[in-house]
N, C-alpha and C. Protein backbone atom coordinates (compact mmCIF):
# COMPACT_ATOMS: atom_id res chain seq x y z
N MET A 1 -19.75 10.04 14.74
CA MET A 1 -19.69 9.67 13.21
C MET A 1 -19.23 10.31 12.20
N LEU A 2 -18.57 9.67 11.31
CA LEU A 2 -17.77 10.24 10.12
C LEU A 2 -19.05 11.11 9.52
N GLU A 3 -18.51 11.91 9.03
CA GLU A 3 -19.59 13.65 8.64
C GLU A 3 -18.54 13.26 6.96
N LEU A 4 -19.32 13.02 6.14
CA LEU A 4 -19.04 12.88 4.45
C LEU A 4 -19.28 14.43 4.12
N SER A 5 -19.70 15.20 4.81
CA SER A 5 -19.92 16.45 4.03
C SER A 5 -18.78 17.40 4.15
N ILE A 6 -17.70 18.16 3.76
CA ILE A 6 -16.57 18.60 4.25
C ILE A 6 -16.63 19.59 3.27
N VAL A 7 -16.29 21.03 3.81
CA VAL A 7 -16.34 22.26 2.78
C VAL A 7 -14.98 22.38 1.92
N ASN A 8 -15.41 22.48 0.55
CA ASN A 8 -14.43 22.56 -0.61
C ASN A 8 -13.71 21.14 -0.57
N GLN A 9 -13.64 20.31 -0.20
CA GLN A 9 -13.48 18.79 -0.04
C GLN A 9 -14.19 17.53 -0.81
N GLN A 10 -13.48 16.89 -1.38
CA GLN A 10 -14.42 15.66 -1.73
C GLN A 10 -13.78 14.71 -1.09
N ILE A 11 -14.52 13.74 -0.27
CA ILE A 11 -13.78 12.14 0.36
C ILE A 11 -13.90 11.07 -0.76
N ALA A 12 -12.35 10.82 -1.01
CA ALA A 12 -12.22 9.65 -1.87
C ALA A 12 -12.55 8.32 -1.46
N ILE A 13 -11.62 8.37 -0.22
CA ILE A 13 -11.49 6.88 0.76
C ILE A 13 -11.88 7.17 2.12
N ALA A 14 -12.79 6.44 2.70
CA ALA A 14 -13.01 6.78 3.78
C ALA A 14 -13.26 5.65 4.49
N GLY A 15 -12.99 5.49 5.80
CA GLY A 15 -13.29 3.77 6.71
C GLY A 15 -12.91 4.23 8.05
N LYS A 16 -12.67 2.90 8.56
CA LYS A 16 -12.28 2.86 10.09
C LYS A 16 -11.56 1.81 10.64
N VAL A 17 -10.59 1.85 11.36
CA VAL A 17 -9.90 0.74 11.66
C VAL A 17 -10.27 -0.37 12.84
N LEU A 18 -10.20 -1.13 13.19
CA LEU A 18 -10.90 -1.81 14.31
C LEU A 18 -9.95 -3.23 14.59
N GLN A 19 -10.16 -3.36 16.21
CA GLN A 19 -9.34 -4.28 16.88
C GLN A 19 -10.15 -5.50 16.22
N GLY A 20 -9.37 -6.53 15.59
CA GLY A 20 -9.12 -7.71 15.18
C GLY A 20 -10.40 -9.08 15.83
N GLU A 21 -10.23 -8.95 17.45
CA GLU A 21 -10.89 -9.55 18.15
C GLU A 21 -12.16 -9.02 19.13
N THR A 22 -12.06 -8.10 18.99
CA THR A 22 -13.10 -7.45 20.05
C THR A 22 -13.94 -6.33 19.13
N GLU A 23 -13.46 -6.39 17.66
CA GLU A 23 -14.06 -5.45 16.62
C GLU A 23 -14.24 -4.00 17.42
N LYS A 24 -13.76 -3.45 18.53
CA LYS A 24 -13.68 -1.99 18.66
C LYS A 24 -12.98 -1.04 17.86
N THR A 25 -13.17 -0.07 17.47
CA THR A 25 -12.45 0.73 16.71
C THR A 25 -11.26 1.16 17.47
N ILE A 26 -10.28 1.58 16.65
CA ILE A 26 -8.90 2.08 17.29
C ILE A 26 -8.51 3.44 16.88
N SER A 27 -8.68 4.38 17.86
CA SER A 27 -8.08 6.01 17.44
C SER A 27 -6.36 5.73 17.33
N GLY A 28 -5.88 6.80 17.11
CA GLY A 28 -4.61 6.71 16.93
C GLY A 28 -3.74 5.97 16.04
N ALA A 29 -4.38 5.26 15.36
CA ALA A 29 -3.90 4.47 14.15
C ALA A 29 -3.47 5.26 13.04
N ILE A 30 -2.24 4.98 12.52
CA ILE A 30 -2.08 5.66 11.33
C ILE A 30 -2.43 4.86 9.77
N VAL A 31 -2.88 5.48 9.12
CA VAL A 31 -3.72 4.86 7.62
C VAL A 31 -2.49 5.66 6.58
N GLU A 32 -1.95 5.02 6.20
CA GLU A 32 -0.78 5.53 4.76
C GLU A 32 -1.21 5.08 3.68
N ILE A 33 -0.98 5.63 2.61
CA ILE A 33 -1.18 5.29 1.23
C ILE A 33 0.17 5.13 0.71
N ILE A 34 0.63 4.03 0.24
CA ILE A 34 2.01 3.54 -0.16
C ILE A 34 1.94 2.82 -1.34
N ALA A 35 1.16 3.19 -1.92
CA ALA A 35 1.09 2.58 -3.72
C ALA A 35 -0.11 3.55 -4.36
N MET A 36 0.23 3.96 -5.24
CA MET A 36 -1.00 5.12 -6.09
C MET A 36 -0.95 5.50 -7.38
N PRO A 37 -1.78 6.03 -8.14
CA PRO A 37 -1.82 6.32 -9.50
C PRO A 37 -0.20 7.30 -9.38
N GLU A 38 0.20 7.79 -10.58
CA GLU A 38 1.54 8.61 -10.99
C GLU A 38 0.99 9.95 -10.60
N LYS A 39 -0.20 10.31 -11.28
CA LYS A 39 -0.57 11.73 -10.77
C LYS A 39 -0.77 12.03 -9.44
N PHE A 40 -1.16 11.04 -8.85
CA PHE A 40 -1.31 11.64 -7.25
C PHE A 40 0.29 11.57 -6.60
N ARG A 41 0.99 10.73 -7.15
CA ARG A 41 2.57 10.33 -7.02
C ARG A 41 3.12 11.89 -7.15
N ALA A 42 2.87 12.54 -8.43
CA ALA A 42 3.34 13.86 -8.32
C ALA A 42 3.12 14.82 -7.74
N ILE A 43 1.62 14.78 -7.18
CA ILE A 43 1.29 15.67 -6.36
C ILE A 43 1.91 15.90 -4.91
N LEU A 44 2.29 14.20 -4.31
CA LEU A 44 3.04 14.35 -3.06
C LEU A 44 4.54 14.94 -3.17
N SER A 45 5.08 14.66 -4.25
CA SER A 45 6.29 15.13 -4.51
C SER A 45 6.41 16.28 -4.20
N LEU A 46 5.92 17.30 -4.84
CA LEU A 46 5.50 18.60 -5.20
C LEU A 46 5.33 19.41 -3.58
N LYS A 47 4.49 18.44 -2.60
CA LYS A 47 3.72 18.55 -1.31
C LYS A 47 5.32 18.45 -0.43
N ALA A 48 6.39 17.63 -0.70
CA ALA A 48 7.24 17.09 -0.14
C ALA A 48 8.63 18.20 -0.09
N LEU A 49 8.61 18.74 -1.19
CA LEU A 49 9.33 19.60 -2.10
C LEU A 49 8.78 21.15 -1.04
N GLN A 50 7.67 21.28 -0.82
CA GLN A 50 7.25 22.45 -0.15
C GLN A 50 7.38 22.60 1.67
N TYR A 51 7.58 21.33 2.13
CA TYR A 51 7.59 21.00 3.47
C TYR A 51 8.98 21.00 3.85
N GLY A 52 9.56 20.22 3.13
CA GLY A 52 10.82 19.81 3.47
C GLY A 52 11.12 18.86 4.25
N SER A 53 12.58 18.94 5.48
CA SER A 53 12.43 17.79 6.36
C SER A 53 11.06 17.79 7.08
N GLN A 54 10.35 18.43 7.11
CA GLN A 54 9.42 18.16 8.23
C GLN A 54 8.09 17.53 7.47
N TRP A 55 8.30 17.04 5.89
CA TRP A 55 7.37 16.16 5.42
C TRP A 55 7.41 15.17 6.39
N GLU A 56 8.54 14.19 6.52
CA GLU A 56 8.30 12.42 6.64
C GLU A 56 7.76 13.06 8.08
N LYS A 57 7.95 13.77 9.37
CA LYS A 57 7.69 13.70 10.41
C LYS A 57 6.19 13.79 10.56
N MET A 58 5.39 14.37 9.67
CA MET A 58 4.00 14.73 9.52
C MET A 58 2.97 13.55 9.43
N SER A 59 2.29 13.72 10.78
CA SER A 59 1.51 12.36 11.01
C SER A 59 0.02 12.73 10.08
N ALA A 60 -0.04 13.98 9.79
CA ALA A 60 -1.54 14.13 9.12
C ALA A 60 -1.23 14.84 7.23
N ARG A 61 -1.12 14.46 6.43
CA ARG A 61 -0.34 14.39 5.27
C ARG A 61 -1.90 14.44 3.81
N LEU A 62 -1.83 14.74 2.91
CA LEU A 62 -2.71 13.73 1.78
C LEU A 62 -2.54 12.58 1.82
N ASP A 63 -1.48 12.13 2.32
CA ASP A 63 -1.17 10.22 1.65
C ASP A 63 -1.33 9.68 3.36
N ARG A 64 -1.43 10.34 4.50
CA ARG A 64 -1.16 9.65 5.59
C ARG A 64 -2.36 10.53 6.59
N LYS A 65 -3.13 9.83 7.20
CA LYS A 65 -4.00 10.27 8.18
C LYS A 65 -3.92 9.17 9.76
N MET A 66 -4.62 9.89 10.54
CA MET A 66 -4.37 9.46 11.92
C MET A 66 -5.78 8.99 12.47
N THR A 67 -6.37 8.17 12.82
CA THR A 67 -7.80 7.99 12.76
C THR A 67 -8.12 8.73 13.99
N SER A 68 -9.57 9.09 14.00
CA SER A 68 -10.21 9.75 15.48
C SER A 68 -10.39 8.90 16.57
N ILE A 69 -11.10 9.42 17.51
CA ILE A 69 -11.44 9.08 18.36
C ILE A 69 -12.11 7.86 18.41
N ASP A 70 -12.96 8.24 17.20
CA ASP A 70 -14.08 7.02 17.10
C ASP A 70 -13.17 6.00 15.47
N GLY A 71 -12.19 5.69 15.74
CA GLY A 71 -11.77 4.92 14.72
C GLY A 71 -11.54 5.43 13.07
N TYR A 72 -12.03 6.46 12.94
CA TYR A 72 -12.58 6.92 11.60
C TYR A 72 -11.32 7.74 10.65
N PHE A 73 -11.15 7.25 9.66
CA PHE A 73 -10.30 8.01 8.79
C PHE A 73 -10.75 8.65 7.45
N TYR A 74 -9.91 9.66 6.76
CA TYR A 74 -10.91 9.76 5.46
C TYR A 74 -9.69 10.39 4.64
N PHE A 75 -9.66 10.41 3.13
CA PHE A 75 -8.39 10.88 2.32
C PHE A 75 -9.07 11.48 1.23
N THR A 76 -9.09 12.88 0.89
CA THR A 76 -9.79 13.79 0.09
C THR A 76 -8.98 13.97 -1.30
N ASN A 77 -10.10 14.26 -2.14
CA ASN A 77 -9.52 14.97 -3.69
C ASN A 77 -8.45 14.07 -4.29
N LEU A 78 -8.56 12.79 -4.24
CA LEU A 78 -7.67 11.49 -4.55
C LEU A 78 -8.00 11.73 -6.21
N PRO A 79 -6.64 11.50 -7.55
CA PRO A 79 -7.09 10.91 -8.65
C PRO A 79 -7.60 9.82 -8.35
N PRO A 80 -8.43 9.38 -9.68
CA PRO A 80 -9.14 7.83 -9.72
C PRO A 80 -7.60 7.40 -10.42
N GLY A 81 -7.91 5.82 -9.72
CA GLY A 81 -7.12 4.84 -9.84
C GLY A 81 -7.06 3.76 -8.44
N ASP A 82 -6.02 2.93 -8.63
CA ASP A 82 -6.12 1.91 -7.54
C ASP A 82 -4.69 2.85 -6.71
N TYR A 83 -5.32 2.32 -5.13
CA TYR A 83 -4.58 2.56 -3.94
C TYR A 83 -3.99 1.35 -2.95
N LEU A 84 -2.95 1.34 -2.43
CA LEU A 84 -2.89 0.48 -1.17
C LEU A 84 -2.54 1.02 -0.11
N LEU A 85 -3.45 0.74 1.13
CA LEU A 85 -3.01 1.37 2.09
C LEU A 85 -2.30 0.63 3.13
N GLU A 86 -1.77 1.28 3.94
CA GLU A 86 -0.99 0.39 5.21
C GLU A 86 -1.23 1.16 6.49
N ALA A 87 -1.82 0.31 7.36
CA ALA A 87 -2.64 0.58 8.85
C ALA A 87 -1.34 0.46 9.58
N SER A 88 -1.38 0.89 10.75
CA SER A 88 -0.29 0.57 12.00
C SER A 88 -0.74 1.38 13.32
N LEU A 89 -0.05 1.03 14.18
CA LEU A 89 -0.65 1.69 15.59
C LEU A 89 0.68 1.86 15.92
N PRO A 90 1.41 3.09 16.22
CA PRO A 90 2.53 3.63 16.59
C PRO A 90 2.84 3.22 17.87
N THR A 91 1.94 3.42 18.62
CA THR A 91 2.12 3.05 19.99
C THR A 91 2.38 2.13 20.56
N SER A 92 1.91 1.07 19.95
CA SER A 92 1.45 -0.49 20.13
C SER A 92 2.34 -1.22 19.09
N LEU A 93 3.22 -1.04 18.29
CA LEU A 93 3.94 -1.26 17.61
C LEU A 93 4.61 -2.60 18.04
N ASN A 94 5.11 -3.53 19.09
CA ASN A 94 5.39 -4.54 19.19
C ASN A 94 4.19 -5.45 19.55
N ARG A 95 2.85 -4.80 19.53
CA ARG A 95 1.87 -5.69 19.84
C ARG A 95 0.96 -6.00 18.72
N TYR A 96 0.97 -5.13 17.83
CA TYR A 96 0.07 -5.33 16.56
C TYR A 96 1.18 -5.17 15.33
N LYS A 97 0.71 -5.97 14.05
CA LYS A 97 1.50 -5.80 13.12
C LYS A 97 0.94 -4.55 11.98
N LYS A 98 1.61 -4.59 10.71
CA LYS A 98 1.07 -3.91 10.01
C LYS A 98 0.18 -4.35 8.92
N VAL A 99 -1.00 -3.73 8.65
CA VAL A 99 -1.96 -4.60 7.70
C VAL A 99 -1.98 -3.46 6.48
N ARG A 100 -2.36 -4.51 5.54
CA ARG A 100 -2.63 -3.69 4.24
C ARG A 100 -3.98 -3.81 3.39
N THR A 101 -4.30 -2.91 2.80
CA THR A 101 -5.56 -3.42 1.87
C THR A 101 -5.41 -2.53 0.61
N THR A 102 -6.79 -2.74 -0.74
CA THR A 102 -6.43 -2.10 -1.54
C THR A 102 -7.82 -1.34 -1.40
N ALA A 103 -7.93 -0.09 -2.30
CA ALA A 103 -9.28 0.84 -2.30
C ALA A 103 -8.79 1.31 -3.84
N LYS A 104 -10.10 1.24 -4.61
CA LYS A 104 -10.01 2.00 -5.70
C LYS A 104 -10.93 3.37 -5.79
N VAL A 105 -10.43 4.06 -6.31
CA VAL A 105 -10.68 5.45 -6.45
C VAL A 105 -11.70 5.61 -7.93
N SER A 106 -13.01 5.69 -8.19
CA SER A 106 -13.39 6.37 -9.42
C SER A 106 -13.63 7.20 -9.98
N ALA A 107 -13.46 7.35 -11.39
CA ALA A 107 -13.75 8.71 -12.00
C ALA A 107 -14.82 9.73 -11.24
N PRO A 108 -14.67 11.20 -11.26
CA PRO A 108 -15.85 11.74 -11.07
C PRO A 108 -16.95 11.82 -11.37
N VAL A 109 -18.48 11.26 -10.76
CA VAL A 109 -19.61 11.60 -11.52
C VAL A 109 -20.30 12.83 -11.35
N ASN A 110 -20.43 13.76 -12.25
CA ASN A 110 -21.23 14.65 -12.39
C ASN A 110 -20.31 15.94 -11.39
N GLY A 111 -18.82 15.93 -11.39
CA GLY A 111 -18.28 16.56 -10.76
C GLY A 111 -18.10 16.21 -9.42
N LYS A 112 -18.64 15.02 -8.75
CA LYS A 112 -18.33 14.77 -7.65
C LYS A 112 -17.52 13.27 -7.55
N ILE A 113 -16.53 13.21 -6.38
CA ILE A 113 -15.98 12.01 -6.41
C ILE A 113 -16.91 10.80 -5.59
N PRO A 114 -16.85 9.82 -6.16
CA PRO A 114 -17.71 8.64 -5.34
C PRO A 114 -16.98 8.12 -4.37
N THR A 115 -17.36 8.13 -3.15
CA THR A 115 -16.53 7.54 -1.92
C THR A 115 -16.56 6.31 -1.58
N THR A 116 -15.41 6.06 -1.53
CA THR A 116 -14.95 4.12 -1.44
C THR A 116 -14.69 3.91 0.22
N MET A 117 -15.56 3.29 0.42
CA MET A 117 -15.59 3.06 1.92
C MET A 117 -14.88 1.53 2.22
N THR A 118 -14.26 1.77 3.46
CA THR A 118 -13.49 0.12 3.77
C THR A 118 -13.35 0.22 5.44
N GLU A 119 -12.62 -0.94 5.40
CA GLU A 119 -12.32 -1.08 7.02
C GLU A 119 -11.30 -2.23 7.00
N ILE A 120 -10.11 -1.73 7.91
CA ILE A 120 -9.00 -2.45 8.42
C ILE A 120 -9.07 -2.64 9.35
N VAL A 121 -8.52 -4.06 9.94
CA VAL A 121 -8.74 -4.68 10.77
C VAL A 121 -7.04 -5.07 11.23
N LEU A 122 -6.83 -4.46 12.52
CA LEU A 122 -5.43 -4.65 12.97
C LEU A 122 -5.51 -5.73 14.10
N SER A 123 -4.60 -6.87 13.48
CA SER A 123 -4.63 -7.92 14.48
C SER A 123 -3.74 -7.96 15.60
N SER A 124 -4.17 -7.87 16.76
CA SER A 124 -2.90 -7.82 17.93
C SER A 124 -2.48 -9.21 18.01
N THR A 125 -1.72 -9.30 19.22
CA THR A 125 -1.13 -10.24 19.59
C THR A 125 -1.97 -11.29 20.73
N GLY A 126 -2.19 -12.13 21.15
CA GLY A 126 -2.93 -12.73 22.28
C GLY A 126 -3.25 -13.96 22.44
N ILE A 127 -4.21 -14.49 22.70
CA ILE A 127 -3.86 -16.02 23.66
C ILE A 127 -5.84 -16.14 24.11
N LYS A 128 -6.41 -16.94 23.74
CA LYS A 128 -7.65 -17.00 23.94
C LYS A 128 -8.22 -18.80 23.95
N GLY A 129 -9.35 -18.99 25.11
CA GLY A 129 -9.64 -20.28 25.29
C GLY A 129 -10.67 -20.28 26.37
N THR A 130 -10.77 -21.84 26.95
CA THR A 130 -12.05 -21.86 28.09
C THR A 130 -11.43 -22.66 29.40
N ILE A 131 -11.76 -22.30 30.77
CA ILE A 131 -11.61 -22.54 31.49
C ILE A 131 -12.29 -23.78 32.26
N THR A 132 -12.33 -24.97 32.29
CA THR A 132 -13.14 -25.93 32.57
C THR A 132 -12.39 -27.11 33.63
N ASP A 133 -13.64 -27.61 34.44
CA ASP A 133 -13.11 -28.48 35.49
C ASP A 133 -12.57 -29.65 35.10
N VAL A 134 -11.30 -30.39 35.59
CA VAL A 134 -10.88 -31.60 34.98
C VAL A 134 -11.90 -32.78 34.91
N ASN A 135 -12.49 -32.91 36.15
CA ASN A 135 -13.11 -34.31 36.03
C ASN A 135 -14.39 -34.12 35.88
N ASP A 136 -15.15 -32.66 35.33
CA ASP A 136 -16.31 -32.55 34.55
C ASP A 136 -16.05 -31.25 33.62
N PRO A 137 -15.76 -32.26 32.50
CA PRO A 137 -15.12 -31.12 31.16
C PRO A 137 -16.53 -30.05 30.57
N LYS A 138 -17.73 -30.46 31.35
CA LYS A 138 -18.87 -29.57 31.34
C LYS A 138 -19.08 -28.27 32.18
N LYS A 139 -18.50 -28.59 32.90
CA LYS A 139 -18.48 -27.39 34.00
C LYS A 139 -17.40 -26.54 33.42
N LEU A 140 -17.70 -25.12 33.17
CA LEU A 140 -17.18 -23.76 33.02
C LEU A 140 -16.63 -23.17 34.49
N ILE A 141 -15.78 -22.80 34.39
CA ILE A 141 -15.21 -22.14 35.55
C ILE A 141 -15.19 -20.68 34.92
N ALA A 142 -15.86 -19.45 35.65
CA ALA A 142 -16.37 -18.20 35.70
C ALA A 142 -14.75 -17.63 36.73
N ASN A 143 -14.65 -16.56 36.28
CA ASN A 143 -13.72 -15.61 37.44
C ASN A 143 -12.46 -16.35 37.32
N ALA A 144 -11.85 -17.49 36.94
CA ALA A 144 -10.66 -17.37 36.96
C ALA A 144 -9.51 -16.79 36.35
N LYS A 145 -8.62 -16.45 36.77
CA LYS A 145 -7.40 -15.68 36.53
C LYS A 145 -6.12 -16.51 35.82
N ILE A 146 -6.17 -15.51 34.56
CA ILE A 146 -5.05 -16.10 33.58
C ILE A 146 -4.25 -15.19 33.53
N GLN A 147 -3.08 -15.45 33.53
CA GLN A 147 -1.58 -14.16 33.54
C GLN A 147 -0.63 -14.84 32.79
N ILE A 148 0.29 -13.74 32.44
CA ILE A 148 1.71 -14.46 32.08
C ILE A 148 2.55 -14.07 32.99
N GLN A 149 3.18 -14.91 33.67
CA GLN A 149 4.17 -14.95 34.62
C GLN A 149 5.41 -13.79 34.37
N ASP A 150 5.57 -13.19 35.60
CA ASP A 150 6.40 -12.19 35.72
C ASP A 150 6.45 -10.92 34.53
N SER A 151 4.66 -10.58 34.62
CA SER A 151 4.32 -9.72 33.83
C SER A 151 3.28 -8.98 34.37
N GLY A 152 2.45 -7.87 33.71
CA GLY A 152 1.37 -7.16 34.37
C GLY A 152 -0.15 -7.72 33.45
N ASP A 153 0.62 -8.70 32.55
CA ASP A 153 -0.40 -8.95 31.75
C ASP A 153 -1.52 -9.94 32.05
N SER A 154 -2.41 -10.22 32.52
CA SER A 154 -3.82 -10.97 32.78
C SER A 154 -5.07 -10.78 32.58
N THR A 155 -6.10 -11.67 32.57
CA THR A 155 -7.57 -11.29 32.29
C THR A 155 -8.40 -12.42 33.35
N ILE A 156 -9.72 -12.13 33.24
CA ILE A 156 -10.55 -13.34 33.96
C ILE A 156 -11.56 -13.67 33.16
N SER A 157 -11.53 -15.13 33.04
CA SER A 157 -12.71 -15.67 32.46
C SER A 157 -13.83 -15.02 32.79
N ASP A 158 -14.88 -15.48 31.59
CA ASP A 158 -16.03 -14.72 31.98
C ASP A 158 -17.27 -15.88 32.63
N GLN A 159 -18.28 -15.73 32.43
CA GLN A 159 -19.67 -16.71 32.99
C GLN A 159 -19.45 -17.97 32.58
N LYS A 160 -19.01 -18.25 31.03
CA LYS A 160 -19.06 -19.00 30.17
C LYS A 160 -17.57 -19.55 30.20
N GLY A 161 -16.79 -19.33 31.12
CA GLY A 161 -15.48 -19.95 31.42
C GLY A 161 -14.61 -19.72 30.24
N ASN A 162 -14.72 -18.79 29.38
CA ASN A 162 -14.03 -18.14 28.19
C ASN A 162 -12.91 -16.71 28.24
N TYR A 163 -11.85 -16.75 27.90
CA TYR A 163 -10.90 -15.76 28.38
C TYR A 163 -10.62 -15.13 27.26
N LEU A 164 -9.86 -13.64 27.48
CA LEU A 164 -9.46 -13.60 25.88
C LEU A 164 -8.34 -12.40 26.35
N LEU A 165 -6.70 -12.88 26.09
CA LEU A 165 -6.02 -11.76 26.77
C LEU A 165 -5.17 -11.35 25.04
N ILE A 166 -5.19 -10.24 25.25
CA ILE A 166 -4.60 -9.46 24.34
C ILE A 166 -4.04 -8.34 24.25
N ASP A 167 -3.18 -7.74 23.44
CA ASP A 167 -2.61 -6.76 23.51
C ASP A 167 -1.57 -7.00 23.73
N LEU A 168 -0.70 -8.22 23.50
CA LEU A 168 0.37 -8.54 24.29
C LEU A 168 1.73 -8.09 23.52
N GLU A 169 3.16 -7.86 24.13
CA GLU A 169 4.22 -7.53 23.36
C GLU A 169 4.69 -8.79 23.23
N SER A 170 5.54 -8.30 21.66
CA SER A 170 6.37 -9.54 21.45
C SER A 170 7.61 -8.70 20.74
N PRO A 171 8.81 -9.37 20.95
CA PRO A 171 10.08 -8.50 20.46
C PRO A 171 9.96 -8.56 18.89
N PRO A 172 11.09 -7.61 18.31
CA PRO A 172 11.40 -7.28 16.99
C PRO A 172 11.18 -8.79 16.38
N SER A 173 11.78 -9.58 16.87
CA SER A 173 11.89 -10.99 15.85
C SER A 173 10.33 -11.27 15.51
N GLY A 174 9.57 -10.83 16.27
CA GLY A 174 7.93 -11.28 16.49
C GLY A 174 7.23 -12.31 17.30
N GLN A 175 8.55 -13.28 17.65
CA GLN A 175 8.05 -14.35 18.39
C GLN A 175 8.54 -14.13 20.13
N ARG A 176 7.68 -14.64 20.86
CA ARG A 176 7.95 -14.29 22.29
C ARG A 176 7.43 -15.89 22.98
N THR A 177 8.56 -16.52 23.84
CA THR A 177 8.03 -17.84 24.93
C THR A 177 7.64 -17.18 26.26
N ILE A 178 6.72 -17.54 26.46
CA ILE A 178 5.78 -17.05 27.59
C ILE A 178 5.55 -18.34 28.58
N THR A 179 5.29 -18.06 29.81
CA THR A 179 4.82 -19.00 30.84
C THR A 179 3.27 -18.32 30.89
N LEU A 180 1.92 -19.12 30.71
CA LEU A 180 0.87 -18.67 30.85
C LEU A 180 0.45 -19.58 32.32
N ILE A 181 -0.39 -19.18 33.25
CA ILE A 181 -0.57 -19.45 34.54
C ILE A 181 -2.25 -19.04 34.51
N ALA A 182 -2.92 -20.23 34.90
CA ALA A 182 -4.56 -20.49 35.34
C ALA A 182 -4.29 -20.58 36.74
N SER A 183 -5.45 -19.95 37.06
CA SER A 183 -5.82 -20.20 38.91
C SER A 183 -6.96 -19.75 39.29
N ALA A 184 -7.99 -20.31 40.13
CA ALA A 184 -9.38 -19.99 40.49
C ALA A 184 -9.42 -20.61 41.81
N THR A 185 -10.21 -19.81 42.22
CA THR A 185 -10.41 -20.27 43.84
C THR A 185 -10.99 -21.96 44.16
N GLY A 186 -10.33 -22.30 44.77
CA GLY A 186 -10.84 -23.97 45.07
C GLY A 186 -9.87 -25.02 44.16
N TYR A 187 -9.22 -24.25 43.19
CA TYR A 187 -8.43 -25.22 42.41
C TYR A 187 -7.13 -24.81 42.19
N GLN A 188 -6.09 -26.00 41.91
CA GLN A 188 -5.07 -26.00 42.06
C GLN A 188 -4.45 -25.06 40.35
N GLN A 189 -3.01 -24.20 40.97
CA GLN A 189 -2.94 -23.47 39.72
C GLN A 189 -2.14 -24.64 38.67
N VAL A 190 -2.35 -24.03 37.44
CA VAL A 190 -1.88 -24.57 36.27
C VAL A 190 -1.25 -23.70 35.46
N SER A 191 -0.20 -24.20 34.78
CA SER A 191 0.69 -23.46 33.95
C SER A 191 1.17 -24.37 32.68
N GLN A 192 1.50 -23.34 31.88
CA GLN A 192 2.07 -23.92 30.44
C GLN A 192 2.69 -22.81 29.57
N THR A 193 3.96 -23.15 28.75
CA THR A 193 4.65 -22.66 28.32
C THR A 193 4.37 -22.92 26.69
N LEU A 194 4.46 -21.40 26.24
CA LEU A 194 4.03 -21.53 24.82
C LEU A 194 4.73 -20.16 24.12
N LYS A 195 4.71 -20.15 22.36
CA LYS A 195 5.43 -19.10 21.72
C LYS A 195 4.06 -18.40 21.27
N ILE A 196 3.95 -17.17 21.57
CA ILE A 196 3.31 -16.15 20.86
C ILE A 196 3.89 -15.34 19.87
N GLN A 197 3.12 -15.11 18.42
CA GLN A 197 3.87 -14.10 17.49
C GLN A 197 2.81 -13.42 17.03
N ARG A 198 3.71 -11.87 16.85
CA ARG A 198 3.21 -10.80 17.15
C ARG A 198 1.74 -10.69 15.85
N GLY A 199 0.84 -10.22 16.10
CA GLY A 199 -0.17 -9.92 15.20
C GLY A 199 -1.19 -11.20 15.27
N GLU A 200 -0.68 -12.43 15.92
CA GLU A 200 -1.68 -13.38 15.58
C GLU A 200 -2.27 -13.87 17.02
N VAL A 201 -3.52 -14.36 17.21
CA VAL A 201 -4.21 -14.93 18.44
C VAL A 201 -4.05 -16.33 18.47
N ILE A 202 -3.44 -16.97 19.68
CA ILE A 202 -3.93 -18.09 19.74
C ILE A 202 -5.20 -18.55 20.23
N SER A 203 -5.64 -19.65 19.43
CA SER A 203 -6.85 -20.28 19.91
C SER A 203 -7.05 -21.35 20.52
N GLU A 204 -8.15 -21.54 21.33
CA GLU A 204 -8.36 -22.64 22.11
C GLU A 204 -6.88 -23.32 23.17
N GLN A 205 -6.32 -22.26 23.59
CA GLN A 205 -5.27 -22.81 24.70
C GLN A 205 -6.26 -22.70 26.14
N ASN A 206 -6.87 -23.91 26.05
CA ASN A 206 -7.76 -24.39 26.90
C ASN A 206 -6.90 -24.71 28.53
N PHE A 207 -7.41 -24.48 29.38
CA PHE A 207 -6.80 -25.29 30.75
C PHE A 207 -8.03 -26.13 31.74
N ALA A 208 -7.88 -27.12 32.00
CA ALA A 208 -8.64 -28.05 32.55
C ALA A 208 -8.00 -28.07 34.07
N LEU A 209 -8.90 -27.10 35.12
CA LEU A 209 -7.96 -27.24 36.48
C LEU A 209 -8.65 -28.51 37.64
N ILE A 210 -7.65 -28.84 38.64
CA ILE A 210 -8.20 -29.60 39.31
C ILE A 210 -8.39 -29.05 40.99
N ALA A 211 -9.32 -29.64 41.23
CA ALA A 211 -9.91 -28.84 42.52
C ALA A 211 -9.08 -29.18 43.89
N LYS A 212 -8.67 -28.52 44.70
CA LYS A 212 -8.15 -28.80 45.79
C LYS A 212 -8.49 -29.73 46.97
């Protein structure tokens, strides 16, 4: 859990980064301030001069933080004003798109900066749907395998026949054509070609399987 009491620092903006479909926290995400009050911009300019060529390579700076193992991040001692944050997952740039959100830092009250809390949701590339029996649409098929042809991406439907296949790769253009295959014991295999878009989850990509 985020500790809001840090010696000699006052947390101005704090929050966590979540995965859009599962709502699980994401560690290792980069949250960066990309728009800010002029006072903070001046502070950053001085820091950039101090660190020289190393400044751009730093993952932890006054304006750039990496989420902890529990998905939390925080920025300290920020001047009052409006800020624009951008979150990304450097280890999975081909699976998630960058997300931006705004945050406002209020003026100190009795010498203490009020903490602005925020949640940032990263949307991954994915597909979800339901597997049923073609002759009995109310019959939900559990433990069906859904996989992308010629890749290691696969998942299994749950007891309600639902599946979720996320964290899929997309090329720099953002779009990828795949063949999605559904199979289950006692049923014929079914496939479908579709296009997936980076940072978007296709909903209701359902399959109705035919018994052998």
